[in-house]
Amino acid sequence: MRIHKEGRTILTVLLVMLAVANTIIVTFMSSMQGFVLSFLVVSVIGYLLVLWFFRLPSRSFHEDDNLVISPADGRVVAIEEIEENEYFRDRRLQVSIFMSPLNVHVNLFPIAGTVSYYKYHPGNYLVAWHPKASESNERNSVVIENGKHAVLVRQIAGVLARRIVCYAQSGEQVQQGQELGFIKFGSRVDLFLPPGVKLNVELGQKVSGKTSVIASFR
């Protein structure tokens, strides 16, 4: 398991801050041994939690043009057919994945192809599972097309996640499972799929980025 590049600066700064804080406390409050020990324990646990958040596990999979892989770790919180009004402007099947702070937070391209559309939208910070979060919250929209199929991936900020990172660039050729971006400290990813796909997930199901199959093209 590796540490994602988005966490390296944060972890370095946090380590220095905690080291300085613990040094000061040991130096000036050495008589309060209980407090000193408690602060040290809390510092270690806090640092390990942030370290765990930025983990990047190694996962293997086989690329398949007929499959839509999960773009994120989390739980399926919505499956519904809606009118997608940003890019396709027609009926699409929306699958929403909620990522808790304990999930791996890297986002992946669900299919291979060309990035035909990318747009950042400023917005609100409603809780990520709110029905209006997909259209009201801060978000990035990315469309991948491969000549046969087109899929829209939407990274959505939540109450805690106020930093969305997206690596996609319009016109870029991408591989299935390649890193699309990163959302810090919990949020949601929406997939907008063509009508008629065969769903491989159900509401409430836990999924893993790259290894779980969301749908297959008929």
N, C-alpha and C. Protein backbone atom coordinates (compact mmCIF):
# COMPACT_ATOMS: atom_id res chain seq x y z
N MET A 1 0.85 -1.20 0.00
CA MET A 1 0.00 0.00 0.00
C MET A 1 0.88 1.25 0.00
N ARG A 2 0.50 2.24 -0.82
CA ARG A 2 1.25 3.49 -0.91
C ARG A 2 0.41 4.65 -0.36
N ILE A 3 1.05 5.81 -0.25
CA ILE A 3 0.36 7.03 0.15
C ILE A 3 0.14 7.87 -1.09
N HIS A 4 -1.09 8.33 -1.26
CA HIS A 4 -1.42 9.10 -2.45
C HIS A 4 -0.68 10.43 -2.44
N LYS A 5 -0.33 10.90 -3.63
CA LYS A 5 0.45 12.15 -3.75
C LYS A 5 -0.27 13.35 -3.17
N GLU A 6 -1.61 13.32 -3.15
CA GLU A 6 -2.36 14.45 -2.60
C GLU A 6 -2.18 14.58 -1.09
N GLY A 7 -1.71 13.53 -0.44
CA GLY A 7 -1.57 13.57 1.01
C GLY A 7 -0.17 13.83 1.50
N ARG A 8 0.82 13.81 0.61
CA ARG A 8 2.22 13.88 1.06
C ARG A 8 2.55 15.20 1.73
N THR A 9 2.13 16.32 1.15
CA THR A 9 2.40 17.62 1.76
C THR A 9 1.67 17.77 3.08
N ILE A 10 0.39 17.38 3.09
CA ILE A 10 -0.41 17.48 4.31
C ILE A 10 0.21 16.66 5.43
N LEU A 11 0.63 15.43 5.12
CA LEU A 11 1.21 14.55 6.13
C LEU A 11 2.54 15.09 6.64
N THR A 12 3.33 15.67 5.76
CA THR A 12 4.62 16.23 6.17
C THR A 12 4.42 17.42 7.11
N VAL A 13 3.53 18.33 6.72
CA VAL A 13 3.26 19.52 7.54
C VAL A 13 2.67 19.11 8.88
N LEU A 14 1.73 18.15 8.86
CA LEU A 14 1.10 17.69 10.10
C LEU A 14 2.13 17.04 11.02
N LEU A 15 3.04 16.26 10.47
CA LEU A 15 4.07 15.60 11.28
C LEU A 15 4.96 16.64 11.96
N VAL A 16 5.36 17.66 11.22
CA VAL A 16 6.20 18.72 11.79
C VAL A 16 5.45 19.46 12.90
N MET A 17 4.19 19.79 12.65
CA MET A 17 3.39 20.52 13.64
C MET A 17 3.23 19.71 14.93
N LEU A 18 2.93 18.42 14.78
CA LEU A 18 2.75 17.57 15.95
C LEU A 18 4.05 17.38 16.70
N ALA A 19 5.15 17.26 15.96
CA ALA A 19 6.46 17.11 16.60
C ALA A 19 6.81 18.35 17.42
N VAL A 20 6.56 19.53 16.84
CA VAL A 20 6.83 20.78 17.55
C VAL A 20 5.94 20.91 18.77
N ALA A 21 4.64 20.61 18.58
CA ALA A 21 3.70 20.74 19.70
C ALA A 21 4.07 19.80 20.85
N ASN A 22 4.43 18.57 20.52
CA ASN A 22 4.79 17.61 21.57
C ASN A 22 6.09 18.00 22.26
N THR A 23 7.03 18.55 21.50
CA THR A 23 8.29 19.00 22.09
C THR A 23 8.05 20.13 23.08
N ILE A 24 7.21 21.08 22.70
CA ILE A 24 6.90 22.21 23.58
C ILE A 24 6.22 21.73 24.86
N ILE A 25 5.27 20.82 24.71
CA ILE A 25 4.54 20.31 25.87
C ILE A 25 5.46 19.54 26.82
N VAL A 26 6.33 18.71 26.26
CA VAL A 26 7.27 17.95 27.10
C VAL A 26 8.22 18.90 27.82
N THR A 27 8.64 19.95 27.13
CA THR A 27 9.61 20.90 27.70
C THR A 27 9.00 21.74 28.82
N PHE A 28 7.79 22.25 28.63
CA PHE A 28 7.22 23.20 29.58
C PHE A 28 6.16 22.60 30.52
N MET A 29 5.73 21.38 30.24
CA MET A 29 4.69 20.78 31.08
C MET A 29 5.10 19.38 31.52
N SER A 30 6.38 19.17 31.71
CA SER A 30 6.89 17.84 32.08
C SER A 30 6.33 17.33 33.39
N SER A 31 5.93 18.26 34.28
CA SER A 31 5.38 17.84 35.57
C SER A 31 3.99 17.22 35.44
N MET A 32 3.30 17.54 34.35
CA MET A 32 1.94 17.00 34.12
C MET A 32 2.04 15.77 33.22
N GLN A 33 2.56 14.71 33.77
CA GLN A 33 2.86 13.52 32.97
C GLN A 33 1.63 12.92 32.31
N GLY A 34 0.50 12.96 33.01
CA GLY A 34 -0.73 12.40 32.45
C GLY A 34 -1.17 13.15 31.20
N PHE A 35 -1.11 14.48 31.27
CA PHE A 35 -1.49 15.30 30.12
C PHE A 35 -0.52 15.11 28.96
N VAL A 36 0.77 15.07 29.28
CA VAL A 36 1.79 14.90 28.24
C VAL A 36 1.59 13.58 27.51
N LEU A 37 1.35 12.52 28.26
CA LEU A 37 1.14 11.20 27.65
C LEU A 37 -0.14 11.18 26.82
N SER A 38 -1.20 11.79 27.34
CA SER A 38 -2.48 11.81 26.61
C SER A 38 -2.34 12.57 25.29
N PHE A 39 -1.63 13.70 25.32
CA PHE A 39 -1.44 14.49 24.10
C PHE A 39 -0.64 13.70 23.08
N LEU A 40 0.37 12.98 23.53
CA LEU A 40 1.18 12.18 22.63
C LEU A 40 0.34 11.08 21.98
N VAL A 41 -0.49 10.40 22.78
CA VAL A 41 -1.33 9.33 22.26
C VAL A 41 -2.32 9.87 21.23
N VAL A 42 -2.96 11.02 21.56
CA VAL A 42 -3.92 11.62 20.63
C VAL A 42 -3.22 12.04 19.34
N SER A 43 -2.01 12.56 19.46
CA SER A 43 -1.25 12.99 18.28
C SER A 43 -0.96 11.80 17.36
N VAL A 44 -0.53 10.71 17.94
CA VAL A 44 -0.20 9.52 17.15
C VAL A 44 -1.45 8.96 16.47
N ILE A 45 -2.54 8.86 17.23
CA ILE A 45 -3.78 8.33 16.66
C ILE A 45 -4.30 9.24 15.55
N GLY A 46 -4.27 10.56 15.78
CA GLY A 46 -4.73 11.50 14.76
C GLY A 46 -3.90 11.41 13.49
N TYR A 47 -2.61 11.31 13.66
CA TYR A 47 -1.72 11.23 12.49
C TYR A 47 -1.98 9.94 11.72
N LEU A 48 -2.17 8.84 12.43
CA LEU A 48 -2.42 7.56 11.76
C LEU A 48 -3.75 7.58 11.00
N LEU A 49 -4.75 8.29 11.55
CA LEU A 49 -6.03 8.39 10.86
C LEU A 49 -5.90 9.16 9.54
N VAL A 50 -5.15 10.26 9.57
CA VAL A 50 -4.93 11.03 8.34
C VAL A 50 -4.10 10.21 7.35
N LEU A 51 -3.12 9.48 7.87
CA LEU A 51 -2.30 8.60 7.03
C LEU A 51 -3.18 7.55 6.36
N TRP A 52 -4.11 6.98 7.11
CA TRP A 52 -5.02 5.96 6.60
C TRP A 52 -5.93 6.53 5.52
N PHE A 53 -6.36 7.79 5.71
CA PHE A 53 -7.24 8.43 4.74
C PHE A 53 -6.58 8.54 3.37
N PHE A 54 -5.30 8.82 3.34
CA PHE A 54 -4.59 9.04 2.07
C PHE A 54 -3.94 7.76 1.52
N ARG A 55 -4.36 6.62 2.02
CA ARG A 55 -3.79 5.36 1.53
C ARG A 55 -4.18 5.12 0.08
N LEU A 56 -3.33 4.41 -0.63
CA LEU A 56 -3.58 4.06 -2.03
C LEU A 56 -3.24 2.58 -2.21
N PRO A 57 -4.21 1.70 -2.01
CA PRO A 57 -3.94 0.27 -2.11
C PRO A 57 -3.71 -0.16 -3.55
N SER A 58 -2.91 -1.19 -3.71
CA SER A 58 -2.65 -1.75 -5.05
C SER A 58 -3.76 -2.73 -5.39
N ARG A 59 -4.37 -2.54 -6.55
CA ARG A 59 -5.45 -3.42 -7.00
C ARG A 59 -5.25 -3.77 -8.46
N SER A 60 -5.41 -5.03 -8.77
CA SER A 60 -5.27 -5.47 -10.16
C SER A 60 -6.64 -5.75 -10.76
N PHE A 61 -6.78 -5.52 -12.06
CA PHE A 61 -8.03 -5.81 -12.75
C PHE A 61 -7.72 -5.95 -14.24
N HIS A 62 -8.68 -6.49 -14.97
CA HIS A 62 -8.53 -6.67 -16.41
C HIS A 62 -9.44 -5.66 -17.12
N GLU A 63 -8.86 -4.86 -17.99
CA GLU A 63 -9.66 -3.90 -18.74
C GLU A 63 -10.66 -4.62 -19.63
N ASP A 64 -11.85 -4.07 -19.73
CA ASP A 64 -12.91 -4.66 -20.54
C ASP A 64 -13.80 -3.54 -21.07
N ASP A 65 -13.84 -3.37 -22.37
CA ASP A 65 -14.62 -2.29 -22.98
C ASP A 65 -16.12 -2.47 -22.79
N ASN A 66 -16.54 -3.66 -22.39
CA ASN A 66 -17.97 -3.91 -22.19
C ASN A 66 -18.43 -3.63 -20.77
N LEU A 67 -17.49 -3.25 -19.89
CA LEU A 67 -17.83 -3.05 -18.49
C LEU A 67 -17.61 -1.60 -18.06
N VAL A 68 -18.40 -1.18 -17.07
CA VAL A 68 -18.21 0.11 -16.40
C VAL A 68 -17.76 -0.22 -14.99
N ILE A 69 -16.50 0.08 -14.67
CA ILE A 69 -16.00 -0.24 -13.34
C ILE A 69 -16.32 0.90 -12.37
N SER A 70 -16.28 0.59 -11.09
CA SER A 70 -16.58 1.60 -10.09
C SER A 70 -15.48 2.67 -10.06
N PRO A 71 -15.86 3.94 -10.10
CA PRO A 71 -14.88 5.02 -10.06
C PRO A 71 -14.42 5.37 -8.65
N ALA A 72 -15.01 4.71 -7.64
CA ALA A 72 -14.68 5.07 -6.26
C ALA A 72 -15.05 3.96 -5.30
N ASP A 73 -14.45 4.00 -4.12
CA ASP A 73 -14.87 3.13 -3.02
C ASP A 73 -16.05 3.79 -2.32
N GLY A 74 -16.97 3.00 -1.81
CA GLY A 74 -18.07 3.57 -1.06
C GLY A 74 -19.31 2.72 -1.10
N ARG A 75 -20.45 3.37 -0.94
CA ARG A 75 -21.75 2.68 -0.89
C ARG A 75 -22.69 3.31 -1.90
N VAL A 76 -23.41 2.49 -2.62
CA VAL A 76 -24.37 2.96 -3.62
C VAL A 76 -25.58 3.55 -2.89
N VAL A 77 -25.80 4.86 -3.06
CA VAL A 77 -26.87 5.53 -2.32
C VAL A 77 -28.03 5.95 -3.23
N ALA A 78 -27.85 5.85 -4.53
CA ALA A 78 -28.94 6.22 -5.44
C ALA A 78 -28.78 5.49 -6.77
N ILE A 79 -29.90 4.98 -7.26
CA ILE A 79 -29.99 4.39 -8.61
C ILE A 79 -31.31 4.85 -9.18
N GLU A 80 -31.26 5.71 -10.19
CA GLU A 80 -32.51 6.21 -10.76
C GLU A 80 -32.29 6.73 -12.17
N GLU A 81 -33.34 6.68 -12.96
CA GLU A 81 -33.29 7.23 -14.31
C GLU A 81 -33.73 8.68 -14.23
N ILE A 82 -32.88 9.58 -14.75
CA ILE A 82 -33.18 11.01 -14.65
C ILE A 82 -32.94 11.69 -15.99
N GLU A 83 -33.32 12.95 -16.06
CA GLU A 83 -33.00 13.78 -17.21
C GLU A 83 -31.67 14.48 -16.92
N GLU A 84 -30.64 14.14 -17.67
CA GLU A 84 -29.31 14.73 -17.46
C GLU A 84 -29.23 15.97 -18.34
N ASN A 85 -29.15 17.15 -17.70
CA ASN A 85 -29.30 18.40 -18.44
C ASN A 85 -28.00 19.16 -18.69
N GLU A 86 -26.88 18.64 -18.22
CA GLU A 86 -25.64 19.38 -18.42
C GLU A 86 -24.98 19.07 -19.75
N TYR A 87 -24.92 17.80 -20.12
CA TYR A 87 -24.17 17.42 -21.32
C TYR A 87 -25.02 16.62 -22.31
N PHE A 88 -25.58 15.52 -21.88
CA PHE A 88 -26.32 14.65 -22.79
C PHE A 88 -27.69 15.24 -23.15
N ARG A 89 -28.32 15.88 -22.17
CA ARG A 89 -29.66 16.45 -22.34
C ARG A 89 -30.67 15.41 -22.81
N ASP A 90 -30.60 14.26 -22.14
CA ASP A 90 -31.58 13.20 -22.38
C ASP A 90 -31.65 12.32 -21.14
N ARG A 91 -32.40 11.23 -21.23
CA ARG A 91 -32.57 10.34 -20.09
C ARG A 91 -31.29 9.52 -19.89
N ARG A 92 -30.83 9.45 -18.65
CA ARG A 92 -29.64 8.68 -18.29
C ARG A 92 -29.90 7.95 -16.97
N LEU A 93 -29.17 6.85 -16.79
CA LEU A 93 -29.26 6.11 -15.54
C LEU A 93 -28.18 6.64 -14.59
N GLN A 94 -28.61 7.20 -13.47
CA GLN A 94 -27.68 7.76 -12.50
C GLN A 94 -27.40 6.75 -11.39
N VAL A 95 -26.11 6.51 -11.13
CA VAL A 95 -25.68 5.67 -10.01
C VAL A 95 -24.77 6.52 -9.14
N SER A 96 -25.15 6.69 -7.87
CA SER A 96 -24.40 7.56 -6.97
C SER A 96 -23.69 6.73 -5.90
N ILE A 97 -22.41 7.06 -5.68
CA ILE A 97 -21.60 6.34 -4.70
C ILE A 97 -21.15 7.33 -3.63
N PHE A 98 -21.53 7.07 -2.38
CA PHE A 98 -21.12 7.92 -1.27
C PHE A 98 -19.84 7.38 -0.65
N MET A 99 -18.85 8.28 -0.49
CA MET A 99 -17.57 7.91 0.12
C MET A 99 -17.51 8.49 1.53
N SER A 100 -17.40 7.64 2.52
CA SER A 100 -17.24 8.12 3.90
C SER A 100 -15.78 8.48 4.13
N PRO A 101 -15.47 9.19 5.22
CA PRO A 101 -14.07 9.53 5.50
C PRO A 101 -13.16 8.32 5.65
N LEU A 102 -13.72 7.13 5.84
CA LEU A 102 -12.91 5.92 6.02
C LEU A 102 -12.59 5.22 4.70
N ASN A 103 -13.25 5.62 3.63
CA ASN A 103 -13.01 5.00 2.33
C ASN A 103 -11.73 5.52 1.67
N VAL A 104 -11.20 4.74 0.72
CA VAL A 104 -10.15 5.22 -0.16
C VAL A 104 -10.76 6.33 -1.02
N HIS A 105 -10.07 7.45 -1.21
CA HIS A 105 -10.70 8.60 -1.85
C HIS A 105 -10.17 8.95 -3.24
N VAL A 106 -9.41 8.07 -3.83
CA VAL A 106 -9.00 8.29 -5.21
C VAL A 106 -10.19 7.99 -6.12
N ASN A 107 -10.34 8.75 -7.20
CA ASN A 107 -11.38 8.53 -8.19
C ASN A 107 -10.76 8.04 -9.49
N LEU A 108 -11.49 7.16 -10.21
CA LEU A 108 -10.93 6.48 -11.38
C LEU A 108 -11.84 6.65 -12.59
N PHE A 109 -11.23 6.53 -13.78
CA PHE A 109 -12.03 6.52 -15.00
C PHE A 109 -12.74 5.18 -15.13
N PRO A 110 -14.07 5.18 -15.27
CA PRO A 110 -14.82 3.91 -15.31
C PRO A 110 -14.72 3.17 -16.64
N ILE A 111 -14.39 3.90 -17.71
CA ILE A 111 -14.20 3.28 -19.03
C ILE A 111 -12.98 3.95 -19.69
N ALA A 112 -12.46 3.30 -20.71
CA ALA A 112 -11.37 3.89 -21.49
C ALA A 112 -11.97 4.74 -22.61
N GLY A 113 -11.21 5.73 -23.07
CA GLY A 113 -11.69 6.56 -24.18
C GLY A 113 -11.04 7.93 -24.17
N THR A 114 -11.76 8.89 -24.72
CA THR A 114 -11.28 10.27 -24.81
C THR A 114 -12.13 11.16 -23.92
N VAL A 115 -11.48 12.05 -23.18
CA VAL A 115 -12.22 13.03 -22.38
C VAL A 115 -12.78 14.08 -23.34
N SER A 116 -14.07 14.02 -23.56
CA SER A 116 -14.70 14.93 -24.52
C SER A 116 -15.27 16.18 -23.86
N TYR A 117 -15.34 16.16 -22.53
CA TYR A 117 -15.94 17.30 -21.82
C TYR A 117 -15.42 17.34 -20.40
N TYR A 118 -15.06 18.53 -19.94
CA TYR A 118 -14.69 18.73 -18.54
C TYR A 118 -15.16 20.12 -18.12
N LYS A 119 -15.80 20.19 -16.94
CA LYS A 119 -16.23 21.50 -16.44
C LYS A 119 -16.30 21.48 -14.92
N TYR A 120 -15.76 22.55 -14.34
CA TYR A 120 -15.84 22.74 -12.88
C TYR A 120 -17.01 23.66 -12.58
N HIS A 121 -17.80 23.31 -11.55
CA HIS A 121 -18.95 24.11 -11.15
C HIS A 121 -18.78 24.52 -9.68
N PRO A 122 -18.67 25.80 -9.37
CA PRO A 122 -18.73 26.21 -7.96
C PRO A 122 -20.13 25.96 -7.43
N GLY A 123 -20.27 25.81 -6.12
CA GLY A 123 -21.60 25.55 -5.59
C GLY A 123 -21.62 25.48 -4.08
N ASN A 124 -22.68 24.84 -3.56
CA ASN A 124 -22.89 24.74 -2.12
C ASN A 124 -22.16 23.53 -1.55
N TYR A 125 -22.39 23.28 -0.25
CA TYR A 125 -21.77 22.14 0.41
C TYR A 125 -22.83 21.40 1.24
N LEU A 126 -23.89 20.98 0.55
CA LEU A 126 -24.90 20.16 1.20
C LEU A 126 -24.30 18.80 1.53
N VAL A 127 -24.93 18.08 2.47
CA VAL A 127 -24.46 16.72 2.75
C VAL A 127 -24.47 15.93 1.45
N ALA A 128 -23.47 15.08 1.25
CA ALA A 128 -23.24 14.46 -0.05
C ALA A 128 -24.39 13.57 -0.51
N TRP A 129 -25.16 13.02 0.43
CA TRP A 129 -26.26 12.13 0.02
C TRP A 129 -27.56 12.90 -0.24
N HIS A 130 -27.53 14.22 -0.10
CA HIS A 130 -28.73 15.03 -0.36
C HIS A 130 -29.10 14.91 -1.85
N PRO A 131 -30.41 14.73 -2.17
CA PRO A 131 -30.83 14.58 -3.57
C PRO A 131 -30.39 15.72 -4.49
N LYS A 132 -30.27 16.94 -3.94
CA LYS A 132 -29.90 18.10 -4.76
C LYS A 132 -28.40 18.31 -4.86
N ALA A 133 -27.61 17.47 -4.16
CA ALA A 133 -26.16 17.68 -4.14
C ALA A 133 -25.54 17.56 -5.53
N SER A 134 -26.11 16.69 -6.37
CA SER A 134 -25.54 16.47 -7.70
C SER A 134 -25.59 17.71 -8.57
N GLU A 135 -26.55 18.59 -8.33
CA GLU A 135 -26.70 19.78 -9.16
C GLU A 135 -26.44 21.08 -8.41
N SER A 136 -26.39 21.03 -7.06
CA SER A 136 -26.25 22.25 -6.28
C SER A 136 -24.86 22.41 -5.65
N ASN A 137 -24.17 21.31 -5.38
CA ASN A 137 -22.88 21.39 -4.70
C ASN A 137 -21.74 21.71 -5.65
N GLU A 138 -20.61 22.12 -5.09
CA GLU A 138 -19.39 22.25 -5.88
C GLU A 138 -19.09 20.90 -6.51
N ARG A 139 -18.69 20.91 -7.81
CA ARG A 139 -18.55 19.63 -8.49
C ARG A 139 -17.70 19.77 -9.76
N ASN A 140 -17.18 18.64 -10.20
CA ASN A 140 -16.51 18.53 -11.50
C ASN A 140 -17.27 17.52 -12.34
N SER A 141 -17.50 17.84 -13.60
CA SER A 141 -18.15 16.92 -14.52
C SER A 141 -17.17 16.53 -15.62
N VAL A 142 -17.04 15.22 -15.85
CA VAL A 142 -16.11 14.70 -16.86
C VAL A 142 -16.85 13.68 -17.71
N VAL A 143 -16.77 13.82 -19.04
CA VAL A 143 -17.39 12.86 -19.95
C VAL A 143 -16.30 12.11 -20.70
N ILE A 144 -16.41 10.78 -20.72
CA ILE A 144 -15.48 9.93 -21.45
C ILE A 144 -16.25 9.23 -22.56
N GLU A 145 -15.74 9.32 -23.79
CA GLU A 145 -16.36 8.67 -24.95
C GLU A 145 -15.34 7.80 -25.66
N ASN A 146 -15.82 6.66 -26.18
CA ASN A 146 -14.90 5.74 -26.87
C ASN A 146 -15.40 5.30 -28.25
N GLY A 147 -16.34 6.05 -28.80
CA GLY A 147 -16.87 5.69 -30.11
C GLY A 147 -18.11 4.84 -30.05
N LYS A 148 -18.24 4.05 -28.99
CA LYS A 148 -19.43 3.21 -28.80
C LYS A 148 -20.31 3.74 -27.68
N HIS A 149 -19.66 4.15 -26.62
CA HIS A 149 -20.40 4.55 -25.42
C HIS A 149 -19.83 5.84 -24.86
N ALA A 150 -20.64 6.52 -24.06
CA ALA A 150 -20.22 7.74 -23.37
C ALA A 150 -20.75 7.68 -21.93
N VAL A 151 -19.87 8.05 -20.99
CA VAL A 151 -20.23 8.02 -19.57
C VAL A 151 -19.81 9.35 -18.95
N LEU A 152 -20.70 9.92 -18.15
CA LEU A 152 -20.38 11.14 -17.42
C LEU A 152 -20.08 10.77 -15.97
N VAL A 153 -18.94 11.26 -15.46
CA VAL A 153 -18.57 11.08 -14.06
C VAL A 153 -18.60 12.44 -13.39
N ARG A 154 -19.27 12.52 -12.25
CA ARG A 154 -19.37 13.80 -11.55
C ARG A 154 -18.82 13.66 -10.13
N GLN A 155 -17.75 14.40 -9.84
CA GLN A 155 -17.19 14.47 -8.49
C GLN A 155 -17.94 15.55 -7.73
N ILE A 156 -18.45 15.23 -6.54
CA ILE A 156 -19.29 16.17 -5.80
C ILE A 156 -18.72 16.40 -4.41
N ALA A 157 -18.56 17.67 -4.05
CA ALA A 157 -18.10 18.02 -2.71
C ALA A 157 -19.24 17.87 -1.72
N GLY A 158 -18.88 17.66 -0.45
CA GLY A 158 -19.88 17.55 0.60
C GLY A 158 -19.61 18.52 1.73
N VAL A 159 -20.14 18.23 2.90
CA VAL A 159 -19.97 19.10 4.05
C VAL A 159 -18.50 19.16 4.47
N LEU A 160 -17.84 17.99 4.50
CA LEU A 160 -16.44 17.93 4.91
C LEU A 160 -15.50 18.09 3.73
N ALA A 161 -15.89 17.56 2.59
CA ALA A 161 -14.99 17.58 1.41
C ALA A 161 -15.10 18.90 0.68
N ARG A 162 -14.17 19.78 0.91
CA ARG A 162 -14.19 21.09 0.24
C ARG A 162 -12.96 21.25 -0.64
N ARG A 163 -12.43 20.12 -1.07
CA ARG A 163 -11.27 20.17 -1.94
C ARG A 163 -11.38 19.02 -2.93
N ILE A 164 -11.82 19.32 -4.14
CA ILE A 164 -11.92 18.32 -5.20
C ILE A 164 -10.76 18.50 -6.15
N VAL A 165 -10.04 17.44 -6.39
CA VAL A 165 -8.93 17.47 -7.34
C VAL A 165 -9.32 16.64 -8.55
N CYS A 166 -9.15 17.20 -9.74
CA CYS A 166 -9.47 16.48 -10.98
C CYS A 166 -8.28 16.59 -11.93
N TYR A 167 -7.85 15.44 -12.46
CA TYR A 167 -6.70 15.40 -13.36
C TYR A 167 -7.11 15.37 -14.83
N ALA A 168 -8.40 15.24 -15.10
CA ALA A 168 -8.87 15.09 -16.48
C ALA A 168 -8.64 16.37 -17.28
N GLN A 169 -8.30 16.21 -18.55
CA GLN A 169 -8.14 17.32 -19.47
C GLN A 169 -8.89 17.01 -20.76
N SER A 170 -9.60 17.97 -21.28
CA SER A 170 -10.37 17.76 -22.51
C SER A 170 -9.45 17.32 -23.64
N GLY A 171 -9.87 16.28 -24.36
CA GLY A 171 -9.09 15.75 -25.47
C GLY A 171 -8.09 14.68 -25.08
N GLU A 172 -7.94 14.44 -23.78
CA GLU A 172 -6.96 13.47 -23.31
C GLU A 172 -7.45 12.03 -23.53
N GLN A 173 -6.56 11.15 -23.94
CA GLN A 173 -6.85 9.73 -24.03
C GLN A 173 -6.61 9.09 -22.66
N VAL A 174 -7.59 8.37 -22.14
CA VAL A 174 -7.46 7.79 -20.80
C VAL A 174 -7.74 6.29 -20.84
N GLN A 175 -7.19 5.60 -19.86
CA GLN A 175 -7.38 4.17 -19.72
C GLN A 175 -8.39 3.87 -18.63
N GLN A 176 -9.08 2.78 -18.76
CA GLN A 176 -9.99 2.33 -17.71
C GLN A 176 -9.19 2.06 -16.43
N GLY A 177 -9.63 2.62 -15.31
CA GLY A 177 -8.93 2.42 -14.05
C GLY A 177 -7.85 3.44 -13.77
N GLN A 178 -7.57 4.31 -14.74
CA GLN A 178 -6.58 5.39 -14.54
C GLN A 178 -7.14 6.41 -13.55
N GLU A 179 -6.27 7.06 -12.80
CA GLU A 179 -6.72 8.05 -11.82
C GLU A 179 -7.38 9.25 -12.50
N LEU A 180 -8.59 9.55 -12.07
CA LEU A 180 -9.33 10.71 -12.56
C LEU A 180 -9.12 11.90 -11.62
N GLY A 181 -9.04 11.62 -10.32
CA GLY A 181 -8.89 12.70 -9.36
C GLY A 181 -8.94 12.19 -7.94
N PHE A 182 -9.17 13.11 -7.02
CA PHE A 182 -9.16 12.79 -5.59
C PHE A 182 -10.09 13.77 -4.88
N ILE A 183 -10.88 13.26 -3.94
CA ILE A 183 -11.74 14.12 -3.13
C ILE A 183 -11.34 13.95 -1.67
N LYS A 184 -11.06 15.06 -0.99
CA LYS A 184 -10.52 14.98 0.37
C LYS A 184 -11.61 15.00 1.43
N PHE A 185 -11.60 13.97 2.26
CA PHE A 185 -12.43 13.87 3.46
C PHE A 185 -13.92 13.68 3.21
N GLY A 186 -14.24 12.70 2.39
CA GLY A 186 -15.62 12.25 2.26
C GLY A 186 -16.45 13.04 1.27
N SER A 187 -17.15 12.34 0.38
CA SER A 187 -18.03 13.02 -0.56
C SER A 187 -18.76 11.98 -1.42
N ARG A 188 -18.96 12.31 -2.71
CA ARG A 188 -19.79 11.45 -3.54
C ARG A 188 -19.36 11.55 -5.00
N VAL A 189 -19.56 10.44 -5.71
CA VAL A 189 -19.30 10.39 -7.15
C VAL A 189 -20.55 9.86 -7.83
N ASP A 190 -21.02 10.58 -8.86
CA ASP A 190 -22.18 10.14 -9.64
C ASP A 190 -21.72 9.64 -11.00
N LEU A 191 -22.35 8.58 -11.46
CA LEU A 191 -22.16 8.07 -12.81
C LEU A 191 -23.46 8.25 -13.58
N PHE A 192 -23.36 8.72 -14.83
CA PHE A 192 -24.53 8.84 -15.69
C PHE A 192 -24.31 7.92 -16.89
N LEU A 193 -25.09 6.86 -16.95
CA LEU A 193 -24.90 5.79 -17.93
C LEU A 193 -26.00 5.79 -18.98
N PRO A 194 -25.70 5.24 -20.16
CA PRO A 194 -26.73 5.16 -21.20
C PRO A 194 -27.88 4.26 -20.75
N PRO A 195 -29.11 4.59 -21.15
CA PRO A 195 -30.23 3.70 -20.84
C PRO A 195 -30.00 2.33 -21.47
N GLY A 196 -30.45 1.31 -20.81
CA GLY A 196 -30.34 -0.03 -21.38
C GLY A 196 -29.14 -0.82 -20.91
N VAL A 197 -28.25 -0.19 -20.11
CA VAL A 197 -27.11 -0.95 -19.59
C VAL A 197 -27.63 -1.97 -18.57
N LYS A 198 -26.85 -3.01 -18.36
CA LYS A 198 -27.20 -4.02 -17.38
C LYS A 198 -26.51 -3.68 -16.07
N LEU A 199 -27.29 -3.34 -15.05
CA LEU A 199 -26.72 -2.97 -13.76
C LEU A 199 -26.19 -4.19 -13.01
N ASN A 200 -25.04 -4.03 -12.37
CA ASN A 200 -24.46 -5.11 -11.59
C ASN A 200 -24.45 -4.78 -10.10
N VAL A 201 -25.07 -3.66 -9.71
CA VAL A 201 -25.10 -3.27 -8.30
C VAL A 201 -26.53 -2.97 -7.90
N GLU A 202 -26.74 -2.90 -6.59
CA GLU A 202 -28.06 -2.55 -6.07
C GLU A 202 -27.90 -1.51 -4.97
N LEU A 203 -29.00 -0.89 -4.60
CA LEU A 203 -29.00 0.16 -3.60
C LEU A 203 -28.45 -0.35 -2.28
N GLY A 204 -27.53 0.41 -1.69
CA GLY A 204 -26.96 0.04 -0.41
C GLY A 204 -25.72 -0.83 -0.50
N GLN A 205 -25.39 -1.28 -1.69
CA GLN A 205 -24.24 -2.17 -1.87
C GLN A 205 -22.93 -1.41 -1.72
N LYS A 206 -21.94 -2.04 -1.08
CA LYS A 206 -20.61 -1.46 -0.98
C LYS A 206 -19.81 -1.84 -2.23
N VAL A 207 -19.07 -0.87 -2.77
CA VAL A 207 -18.29 -1.11 -3.98
C VAL A 207 -16.86 -0.65 -3.76
N SER A 208 -15.95 -1.20 -4.56
CA SER A 208 -14.54 -0.84 -4.49
C SER A 208 -14.09 -0.32 -5.84
N GLY A 209 -13.36 0.80 -5.82
CA GLY A 209 -12.85 1.37 -7.06
C GLY A 209 -11.98 0.39 -7.81
N LYS A 210 -12.21 0.30 -9.10
CA LYS A 210 -11.44 -0.53 -10.03
C LYS A 210 -11.86 -1.99 -10.03
N THR A 211 -12.20 -2.57 -8.88
CA THR A 211 -12.50 -4.00 -8.82
C THR A 211 -13.99 -4.33 -8.90
N SER A 212 -14.86 -3.38 -8.53
CA SER A 212 -16.30 -3.64 -8.62
C SER A 212 -16.83 -3.20 -9.98
N VAL A 213 -17.72 -3.99 -10.54
CA VAL A 213 -18.35 -3.66 -11.83
C VAL A 213 -19.70 -3.02 -11.55
N ILE A 214 -19.88 -1.78 -12.02
CA ILE A 214 -21.15 -1.08 -11.82
C ILE A 214 -22.19 -1.53 -12.82
N ALA A 215 -21.79 -1.67 -14.09
CA ALA A 215 -22.73 -2.05 -15.15
C ALA A 215 -21.98 -2.64 -16.31
N SER A 216 -22.73 -3.29 -17.19
CA SER A 216 -22.16 -3.81 -18.43
C SER A 216 -23.02 -3.35 -19.60
N PHE A 217 -22.37 -3.07 -20.73
CA PHE A 217 -23.10 -2.66 -21.91
C PHE A 217 -23.67 -3.88 -22.60
N ARG A 218 -24.93 -3.80 -22.98
CA ARG A 218 -25.58 -4.96 -23.61
C ARG A 218 -25.08 -5.13 -25.03
